[in-house]
PDB file of N, CA and C in Angstrom:
ATOM      1  N   THR A   1      -9.841 -13.505 -19.864  1.00  0.00           N
ATOM      2  CA  THR A   1     -10.940 -13.674 -20.790  1.00  0.00           C
ATOM      3  C   THR A   1     -10.406 -13.888 -22.197  1.00  0.00           C
ATOM      4  N   MET A   2     -11.269 -14.356 -23.052  1.00  0.00           N
ATOM      5  CA  MET A   2     -10.855 -14.626 -24.425  1.00  0.00           C
ATOM      6  C   MET A   2     -10.436 -13.350 -25.149  1.00  0.00           C
ATOM      7  N   ALA A   3     -11.180 -12.264 -24.928  1.00  0.00           N
ATOM      8  CA  ALA A   3     -10.859 -11.004 -25.607  1.00  0.00           C
ATOM      9  C   ALA A   3      -9.477 -10.494 -25.216  1.00  0.00           C
ATOM     10  N   SER A   4      -9.144 -10.574 -23.938  1.00  0.00           N
ATOM     11  CA  SER A   4      -7.848 -10.053 -23.511  1.00  0.00           C
ATOM     12  C   SER A   4      -6.699 -10.917 -24.009  1.00  0.00           C
ATOM     13  N   SER A   5      -6.904 -12.216 -24.158  1.00  0.00           N
ATOM     14  CA  SER A   5      -5.827 -13.069 -24.651  1.00  0.00           C
ATOM     15  C   SER A   5      -5.562 -12.813 -26.133  1.00  0.00           C
ATOM     16  N   ARG A   6      -6.578 -12.432 -26.877  1.00  0.00           N
ATOM     17  CA  ARG A   6      -6.377 -12.112 -28.291  1.00  0.00           C
ATOM     18  C   ARG A   6      -5.585 -10.823 -28.456  1.00  0.00           C
ATOM     19  N   LEU A   7      -5.797  -9.869 -27.579  1.00  0.00           N
ATOM     20  CA  LEU A   7      -5.122  -8.586 -27.680  1.00  0.00           C
ATOM     21  C   LEU A   7      -3.752  -8.587 -27.012  1.00  0.00           C
ATOM     22  N   GLY A   8      -3.497  -9.545 -26.157  1.00  0.00           N
ATOM     23  CA  GLY A   8      -2.223  -9.607 -25.461  1.00  0.00           C
ATOM     24  C   GLY A   8      -2.307  -9.062 -24.054  1.00  0.00           C
ATOM     25  N   PHE A   9      -2.949  -7.906 -23.868  1.00  0.00           N
ATOM     26  CA  PHE A   9      -3.152  -7.355 -22.528  1.00  0.00           C
ATOM     27  C   PHE A   9      -4.256  -6.304 -22.580  1.00  0.00           C
ATOM     28  N   ARG A  10      -4.798  -6.019 -21.408  1.00  0.00           N
ATOM     29  CA  ARG A  10      -5.856  -5.013 -21.291  1.00  0.00           C
ATOM     30  C   ARG A  10      -5.270  -3.754 -20.676  1.00  0.00           C
ATOM     31  N   LEU A  11      -5.835  -2.610 -21.025  1.00  0.00           N
ATOM     32  CA  LEU A  11      -5.338  -1.320 -20.539  1.00  0.00           C
ATOM     33  C   LEU A  11      -6.344  -0.644 -19.617  1.00  0.00           C
ATOM     34  N   ALA A  12      -5.814   0.122 -18.705  1.00  0.00           N
ATOM     35  CA  ALA A  12      -6.616   1.017 -17.874  1.00  0.00           C
ATOM     36  C   ALA A  12      -6.088   2.424 -18.123  1.00  0.00           C
ATOM     37  N   ALA A  13      -6.957   3.403 -18.005  1.00  0.00           N
ATOM     38  CA  ALA A  13      -6.551   4.791 -18.210  1.00  0.00           C
ATOM     39  C   ALA A  13      -6.907   5.610 -16.980  1.00  0.00           C
ATOM     40  N   CYS A  14      -6.056   6.548 -16.681  1.00  0.00           N
ATOM     41  CA  CYS A  14      -6.265   7.475 -15.565  1.00  0.00           C
ATOM     42  C   CYS A  14      -6.152   8.890 -16.114  1.00  0.00           C
ATOM     43  N   LEU A  15      -7.149   9.717 -15.843  1.00  0.00           N
ATOM     44  CA  LEU A  15      -7.130  11.110 -16.282  1.00  0.00           C
ATOM     45  C   LEU A  15      -6.678  11.982 -15.122  1.00  0.00           C
ATOM     46  N   LEU A  16      -5.587  12.691 -15.327  1.00  0.00           N
ATOM     47  CA  LEU A  16      -5.075  13.627 -14.330  1.00  0.00           C
ATOM     48  C   LEU A  16      -5.490  15.018 -14.782  1.00  0.00           C
ATOM     49  N   ARG A  17      -6.321  15.674 -14.016  1.00  0.00           N
ATOM     50  CA  ARG A  17      -6.790  17.016 -14.365  1.00  0.00           C
ATOM     51  C   ARG A  17      -6.111  18.011 -13.443  1.00  0.00           C
ATOM     52  N   ILE A  18      -5.421  18.958 -14.044  1.00  0.00           N
ATOM     53  CA  ILE A  18      -4.682  19.939 -13.251  1.00  0.00           C
ATOM     54  C   ILE A  18      -5.043  21.355 -13.694  1.00  0.00           C
ATOM     55  N   SER A  19      -4.936  22.272 -12.775  1.00  0.00           N
ATOM     56  CA  SER A  19      -5.235  23.681 -13.053  1.00  0.00           C
ATOM     57  C   SER A  19      -3.964  24.405 -13.477  1.00  0.00           C
ATOM     58  N   GLU A  20      -3.458  24.015 -14.614  1.00  0.00           N
ATOM     59  CA  GLU A  20      -2.255  24.632 -15.186  1.00  0.00           C
ATOM     60  C   GLU A  20      -2.260  24.344 -16.680  1.00  0.00           C
ATOM     61  N   ALA A  21      -1.982  25.350 -17.476  1.00  0.00           N
ATOM     62  CA  ALA A  21      -1.885  25.154 -18.914  1.00  0.00           C
ATOM     63  C   ALA A  21      -0.886  26.110 -19.548  1.00  0.00           C
ATOM     64  N   ARG A  22      -0.581  27.183 -18.884  1.00  0.00           N
ATOM     65  CA  ARG A  22       0.269  28.208 -19.483  1.00  0.00           C
ATOM     66  C   ARG A  22       1.757  27.907 -19.365  1.00  0.00           C
ATOM     67  N   ARG A  23       2.136  27.167 -18.324  1.00  0.00           N
ATOM     68  CA  ARG A  23       3.542  26.803 -18.149  1.00  0.00           C
ATOM     69  C   ARG A  23       3.715  25.337 -18.539  1.00  0.00           C
ATOM     70  N   LYS A  24       4.069  25.138 -19.784  1.00  0.00           N
ATOM     71  CA  LYS A  24       4.147  23.800 -20.369  1.00  0.00           C
ATOM     72  C   LYS A  24       5.082  22.875 -19.591  1.00  0.00           C
ATOM     73  N   TYR A  25       6.177  23.416 -19.080  1.00  0.00           N
ATOM     74  CA  TYR A  25       7.145  22.583 -18.368  1.00  0.00           C
ATOM     75  C   TYR A  25       6.539  21.968 -17.099  1.00  0.00           C
ATOM     76  N   ILE A  26       5.620  22.666 -16.447  1.00  0.00           N
ATOM     77  CA  ILE A  26       4.971  22.111 -15.256  1.00  0.00           C
ATOM     78  C   ILE A  26       4.069  20.945 -15.642  1.00  0.00           C
ATOM     79  N   VAL A  27       3.300  21.111 -16.692  1.00  0.00           N
ATOM     80  CA  VAL A  27       2.417  20.050 -17.162  1.00  0.00           C
ATOM     81  C   VAL A  27       3.254  18.823 -17.562  1.00  0.00           C
ATOM     82  N   GLU A  28       4.342  19.040 -18.274  1.00  0.00           N
ATOM     83  CA  GLU A  28       5.199  17.933 -18.690  1.00  0.00           C
ATOM     84  C   GLU A  28       5.869  17.258 -17.495  1.00  0.00           C
ATOM     85  N   ASN A  29       6.273  18.029 -16.482  1.00  0.00           N
ATOM     86  CA  ASN A  29       6.868  17.432 -15.280  1.00  0.00           C
ATOM     87  C   ASN A  29       5.868  16.553 -14.533  1.00  0.00           C
ATOM     88  N   ILE A  30       4.620  16.991 -14.460  1.00  0.00           N
ATOM     89  CA  ILE A  30       3.586  16.186 -13.811  1.00  0.00           C
ATOM     90  C   ILE A  30       3.341  14.912 -14.603  1.00  0.00           C
ATOM     91  N   ALA A  31       3.293  15.021 -15.923  1.00  0.00           N
ATOM     92  CA  ALA A  31       3.102  13.829 -16.764  1.00  0.00           C
ATOM     93  C   ALA A  31       4.242  12.840 -16.577  1.00  0.00           C
ATOM     94  N   THR A  32       5.456  13.334 -16.497  1.00  0.00           N
ATOM     95  CA  THR A  32       6.618  12.465 -16.285  1.00  0.00           C
ATOM     96  C   THR A  32       6.562  11.818 -14.906  1.00  0.00           C
ATOM     97  N   ALA A  33       6.211  12.582 -13.885  1.00  0.00           N
ATOM     98  CA  ALA A  33       6.147  12.053 -12.521  1.00  0.00           C
ATOM     99  C   ALA A  33       5.114  10.936 -12.394  1.00  0.00           C
ATOM    100  N   ALA A  34       4.047  11.003 -13.169  1.00  0.00           N
ATOM    101  CA  ALA A  34       3.010   9.961 -13.117  1.00  0.00           C
ATOM    102  C   ALA A  34       3.535   8.607 -13.588  1.00  0.00           C
ATOM    103  N   LEU A  35       4.638   8.607 -14.322  1.00  0.00           N
ATOM    104  CA  LEU A  35       5.203   7.365 -14.863  1.00  0.00           C
ATOM    105  C   LEU A  35       6.243   6.737 -13.952  1.00  0.00           C
ATOM    106  N   LEU A  36       6.592   7.416 -12.864  1.00  0.00           N
ATOM    107  CA  LEU A  36       7.720   6.984 -12.039  1.00  0.00           C
ATOM    108  C   LEU A  36       7.288   6.379 -10.710  1.00  0.00           C
ATOM    109  N   GLU A  37       8.072   5.394 -10.278  1.00  0.00           N
ATOM    110  CA  GLU A  37       7.899   4.831  -8.945  1.00  0.00           C
ATOM    111  C   GLU A  37       8.497   5.797  -7.928  1.00  0.00           C
ATOM    112  N   ARG A  38       8.324   5.510  -6.660  1.00  0.00           N
ATOM    113  CA  ARG A  38       8.859   6.371  -5.607  1.00  0.00           C
ATOM    114  C   ARG A  38      10.377   6.498  -5.681  1.00  0.00           C
ATOM    115  N   ASN A  39      11.053   5.465  -6.162  1.00  0.00           N
ATOM    116  CA  ASN A  39      12.521   5.497  -6.243  1.00  0.00           C
ATOM    117  C   ASN A  39      13.026   6.155  -7.529  1.00  0.00           C
ATOM    118  N   GLY A  40      12.126   6.669  -8.366  1.00  0.00           N
ATOM    119  CA  GLY A  40      12.526   7.360  -9.583  1.00  0.00           C
ATOM    120  C   GLY A  40      12.632   6.490 -10.814  1.00  0.00           C
ATOM    121  N   GLN A  41      12.446   5.189 -10.657  1.00  0.00           N
ATOM    122  CA  GLN A  41      12.476   4.286 -11.807  1.00  0.00           C
ATOM    123  C   GLN A  41      11.134   4.339 -12.530  1.00  0.00           C
ATOM    124  N   LYS A  42      11.167   4.183 -13.859  1.00  0.00           N
ATOM    125  CA  LYS A  42       9.930   4.201 -14.634  1.00  0.00           C
ATOM    126  C   LYS A  42       9.177   2.897 -14.443  1.00  0.00           C
ATOM    127  N   TYR A  43       7.862   3.008 -14.236  1.00  0.00           N
ATOM    128  CA  TYR A  43       7.025   1.827 -14.185  1.00  0.00           C
ATOM    129  C   TYR A  43       7.035   1.154 -15.559  1.00  0.00           C
ATOM    130  N   PRO A  44       7.213  -0.155 -15.622  1.00  0.00           N
ATOM    131  CA  PRO A  44       7.089  -0.833 -16.910  1.00  0.00           C
ATOM    132  C   PRO A  44       5.616  -0.832 -17.344  1.00  0.00           C
ATOM    133  N   GLU A  45       5.380  -0.791 -18.606  1.00  0.00           N
ATOM    134  CA  GLU A  45       4.034  -0.853 -19.187  1.00  0.00           C
ATOM    135  C   GLU A  45       3.128   0.304 -18.777  1.00  0.00           C
ATOM    136  N   VAL A  46       3.702   1.437 -18.390  1.00  0.00           N
ATOM    137  CA  VAL A  46       2.920   2.631 -18.069  1.00  0.00           C
ATOM    138  C   VAL A  46       3.397   3.746 -18.993  1.00  0.00           C
ATOM    139  N   SER A  47       2.449   4.461 -19.604  1.00  0.00           N
ATOM    140  CA  SER A  47       2.860   5.522 -20.517  1.00  0.00           C
ATOM    141  C   SER A  47       1.845   6.659 -20.524  1.00  0.00           C
ATOM    142  N   THR A  48       2.303   7.805 -20.990  1.00  0.00           N
ATOM    143  CA  THR A  48       1.418   8.943 -21.193  1.00  0.00           C
ATOM    144  C   THR A  48       0.766   8.778 -22.552  1.00  0.00           C
ATOM    145  N   PHE A  49      -0.548   8.729 -22.572  1.00  0.00           N
ATOM    146  CA  PHE A  49      -1.282   8.547 -23.820  1.00  0.00           C
ATOM    147  C   PHE A  49      -1.506   9.880 -24.513  1.00  0.00           C
ATOM    148  N   SER A  50      -1.883  10.893 -23.726  1.00  0.00           N
ATOM    149  CA  SER A  50      -2.099  12.216 -24.326  1.00  0.00           C
ATOM    150  C   SER A  50      -2.016  13.297 -23.266  1.00  0.00           C
ATOM    151  N   ILE A  51      -1.745  14.508 -23.732  1.00  0.00           N
ATOM    152  CA  ILE A  51      -1.770  15.698 -22.887  1.00  0.00           C
ATOM    153  C   ILE A  51      -2.567  16.755 -23.643  1.00  0.00           C
ATOM    154  N   PHE A  52      -3.613  17.250 -23.022  1.00  0.00           N
ATOM    155  CA  PHE A  52      -4.423  18.309 -23.616  1.00  0.00           C
ATOM    156  C   PHE A  52      -4.387  19.507 -22.684  1.00  0.00           C
ATOM    157  N   SER A  53      -4.009  20.660 -23.208  1.00  0.00           N
ATOM    158  CA  SER A  53      -3.976  21.890 -22.412  1.00  0.00           C
ATOM    159  C   SER A  53      -4.879  22.939 -23.046  1.00  0.00           C
ATOM    160  N   ASP A  54      -5.724  23.537 -22.223  1.00  0.00           N
ATOM    161  CA  ASP A  54      -6.644  24.582 -22.665  1.00  0.00           C
ATOM    162  C   ASP A  54      -6.169  25.909 -22.072  1.00  0.00           C
ATOM    163  N   GLN A  55      -5.574  26.736 -22.900  1.00  0.00           N
ATOM    164  CA  GLN A  55      -5.015  28.015 -22.451  1.00  0.00           C
ATOM    165  C   GLN A  55      -6.084  28.963 -21.908  1.00  0.00           C
ATOM    166  N   ASP A  56      -7.269  28.956 -22.513  1.00  0.00           N
ATOM    167  CA  ASP A  56      -8.327  29.877 -22.096  1.00  0.00           C
ATOM    168  C   ASP A  56      -8.847  29.577 -20.697  1.00  0.00           C
ATOM    169  N   TYR A  57      -8.974  28.296 -20.374  1.00  0.00           N
ATOM    170  CA  TYR A  57      -9.510  27.907 -19.074  1.00  0.00           C
ATOM    171  C   TYR A  57      -8.416  27.501 -18.078  1.00  0.00           C
ATOM    172  N   ILE A  58      -7.178  27.613 -18.501  1.00  0.00           N
ATOM    173  CA  ILE A  58      -6.004  27.326 -17.661  1.00  0.00           C
ATOM    174  C   ILE A  58      -6.120  25.956 -16.989  1.00  0.00           C
ATOM    175  N   ARG A  59      -6.304  24.937 -17.822  1.00  0.00           N
ATOM    176  CA  ARG A  59      -6.384  23.579 -17.299  1.00  0.00           C
ATOM    177  C   ARG A  59      -5.771  22.616 -18.294  1.00  0.00           C
ATOM    178  N   SER A  60      -5.329  21.492 -17.774  1.00  0.00           N
ATOM    179  CA  SER A  60      -4.759  20.444 -18.608  1.00  0.00           C
ATOM    180  C   SER A  60      -5.303  19.097 -18.158  1.00  0.00           C
ATOM    181  N   VAL A  61      -5.372  18.188 -19.100  1.00  0.00           N
ATOM    182  CA  VAL A  61      -5.757  16.815 -18.809  1.00  0.00           C
ATOM    183  C   VAL A  61      -4.660  15.922 -19.360  1.00  0.00           C
ATOM    184  N   ILE A  62      -4.095  15.105 -18.482  1.00  0.00           N
ATOM    185  CA  ILE A  62      -3.044  14.161 -18.854  1.00  0.00           C
ATOM    186  C   ILE A  62      -3.649  12.772 -18.747  1.00  0.00           C
ATOM    187  N   THR A  63      -3.580  11.994 -19.825  1.00  0.00           N
ATOM    188  CA  THR A  63      -4.091  10.632 -19.798  1.00  0.00           C
ATOM    189  C   THR A  63      -2.915   9.675 -19.695  1.00  0.00           C
ATOM    190  N   VAL A  64      -2.907   8.904 -18.618  1.00  0.00           N
ATOM    191  CA  VAL A  64      -1.863   7.914 -18.369  1.00  0.00           C
ATOM    192  C   VAL A  64      -2.489   6.537 -18.519  1.00  0.00           C
ATOM    193  N   THR A  65      -1.815   5.652 -19.243  1.00  0.00           N
ATOM    194  CA  THR A  65      -2.327   4.299 -19.425  1.00  0.00           C
ATOM    195  C   THR A  65      -1.356   3.281 -18.834  1.00  0.00           C
ATOM    196  N   ALA A  66      -1.924   2.151 -18.412  1.00  0.00           N
ATOM    197  CA  ALA A  66      -1.117   1.061 -17.858  1.00  0.00           C
ATOM    198  C   ALA A  66      -1.832  -0.245 -18.136  1.00  0.00           C
ATOM    199  N   SER A  67      -1.066  -1.313 -18.168  1.00  0.00           N
ATOM    200  CA  SER A  67      -1.697  -2.613 -18.317  1.00  0.00           C
ATOM    201  C   SER A  67      -2.407  -2.956 -17.014  1.00  0.00           C
ATOM    202  N   ILE A  68      -3.501  -3.668 -17.107  1.00  0.00           N
ATOM    203  CA  ILE A  68      -4.238  -4.104 -15.926  1.00  0.00           C
ATOM    204  C   ILE A  68      -3.314  -4.923 -15.023  1.00  0.00           C
ATOM    205  N   ASN A  69      -2.483  -5.756 -15.609  1.00  0.00           N
ATOM    206  CA  ASN A  69      -1.565  -6.581 -14.820  1.00  0.00           C
ATOM    207  C   ASN A  69      -0.605  -5.724 -14.006  1.00  0.00           C
ATOM    208  N   GLU A  70      -0.134  -4.621 -14.562  1.00  0.00           N
ATOM    209  CA  GLU A  70       0.778  -3.734 -13.848  1.00  0.00           C
ATOM    210  C   GLU A  70       0.082  -3.111 -12.645  1.00  0.00           C
ATOM    211  N   LEU A  71      -1.179  -2.729 -12.797  1.00  0.00           N
ATOM    212  CA  LEU A  71      -1.918  -2.131 -11.690  1.00  0.00           C
ATOM    213  C   LEU A  71      -2.182  -3.137 -10.583  1.00  0.00           C
ATOM    214  N   VAL A  72      -2.462  -4.375 -10.956  1.00  0.00           N
ATOM    215  CA  VAL A  72      -2.711  -5.422  -9.960  1.00  0.00           C
ATOM    216  C   VAL A  72      -1.426  -5.745  -9.198  1.00  0.00           C
ATOM    217  N   ASP A  73      -0.299  -5.794  -9.910  1.00  0.00           N
ATOM    218  CA  ASP A  73       0.978  -6.119  -9.278  1.00  0.00           C
ATOM    219  C   ASP A  73       1.507  -5.000  -8.396  1.00  0.00           C
ATOM    220  N   ARG A  74       1.111  -3.750  -8.649  1.00  0.00           N
ATOM    221  CA  ARG A  74       1.633  -2.596  -7.908  1.00  0.00           C
ATOM    222  C   ARG A  74       0.493  -1.689  -7.478  1.00  0.00           C
ATOM    223  N   PRO A  75      -0.277  -2.119  -6.487  1.00  0.00           N
ATOM    224  CA  PRO A  75      -1.447  -1.320  -6.092  1.00  0.00           C
ATOM    225  C   PRO A  75      -1.096  -0.043  -5.333  1.00  0.00           C
ATOM    226  N   SER A  76       0.166   0.181  -4.996  1.00  0.00           N
ATOM    227  CA  SER A  76       0.524   1.357  -4.194  1.00  0.00           C
ATOM    228  C   SER A  76       0.376   2.671  -4.944  1.00  0.00           C
ATOM    229  N   LYS A  77       0.319   2.641  -6.266  1.00  0.00           N
ATOM    230  CA  LYS A  77       0.189   3.879  -7.038  1.00  0.00           C
ATOM    231  C   LYS A  77      -1.049   3.769  -7.924  1.00  0.00           C
ATOM    232  N   ALA A  78      -2.199   3.847  -7.332  1.00  0.00           N
ATOM    233  CA  ALA A  78      -3.450   3.751  -8.079  1.00  0.00           C
ATOM    234  C   ALA A  78      -3.902   5.144  -8.482  1.00  0.00           C
ATOM    235  N   CYS A  79      -4.697   5.208  -9.525  1.00  0.00           N
ATOM    236  CA  CYS A  79      -5.251   6.472  -9.994  1.00  0.00           C
ATOM    237  C   CYS A  79      -6.454   6.871  -9.175  1.00  0.00           C
TER     238      CYS A  79
END
């Protein structure tokens, strides 16, 4: 579309909601794992947009973004 060509690429976001907030290393490990292929290589054009942890409710939300083209080319790891 015209809008996507002006911006260069379109993004999709996936929200990962987990029941963990007190052990920061676990939340960070999950965020890192979301960026990796099965062989351990990082997906190109995929990144962690934000991590929000709520200590009171013991939950975290990790937002992972990817280009639409990356998701179409690699449907094996969909959100």
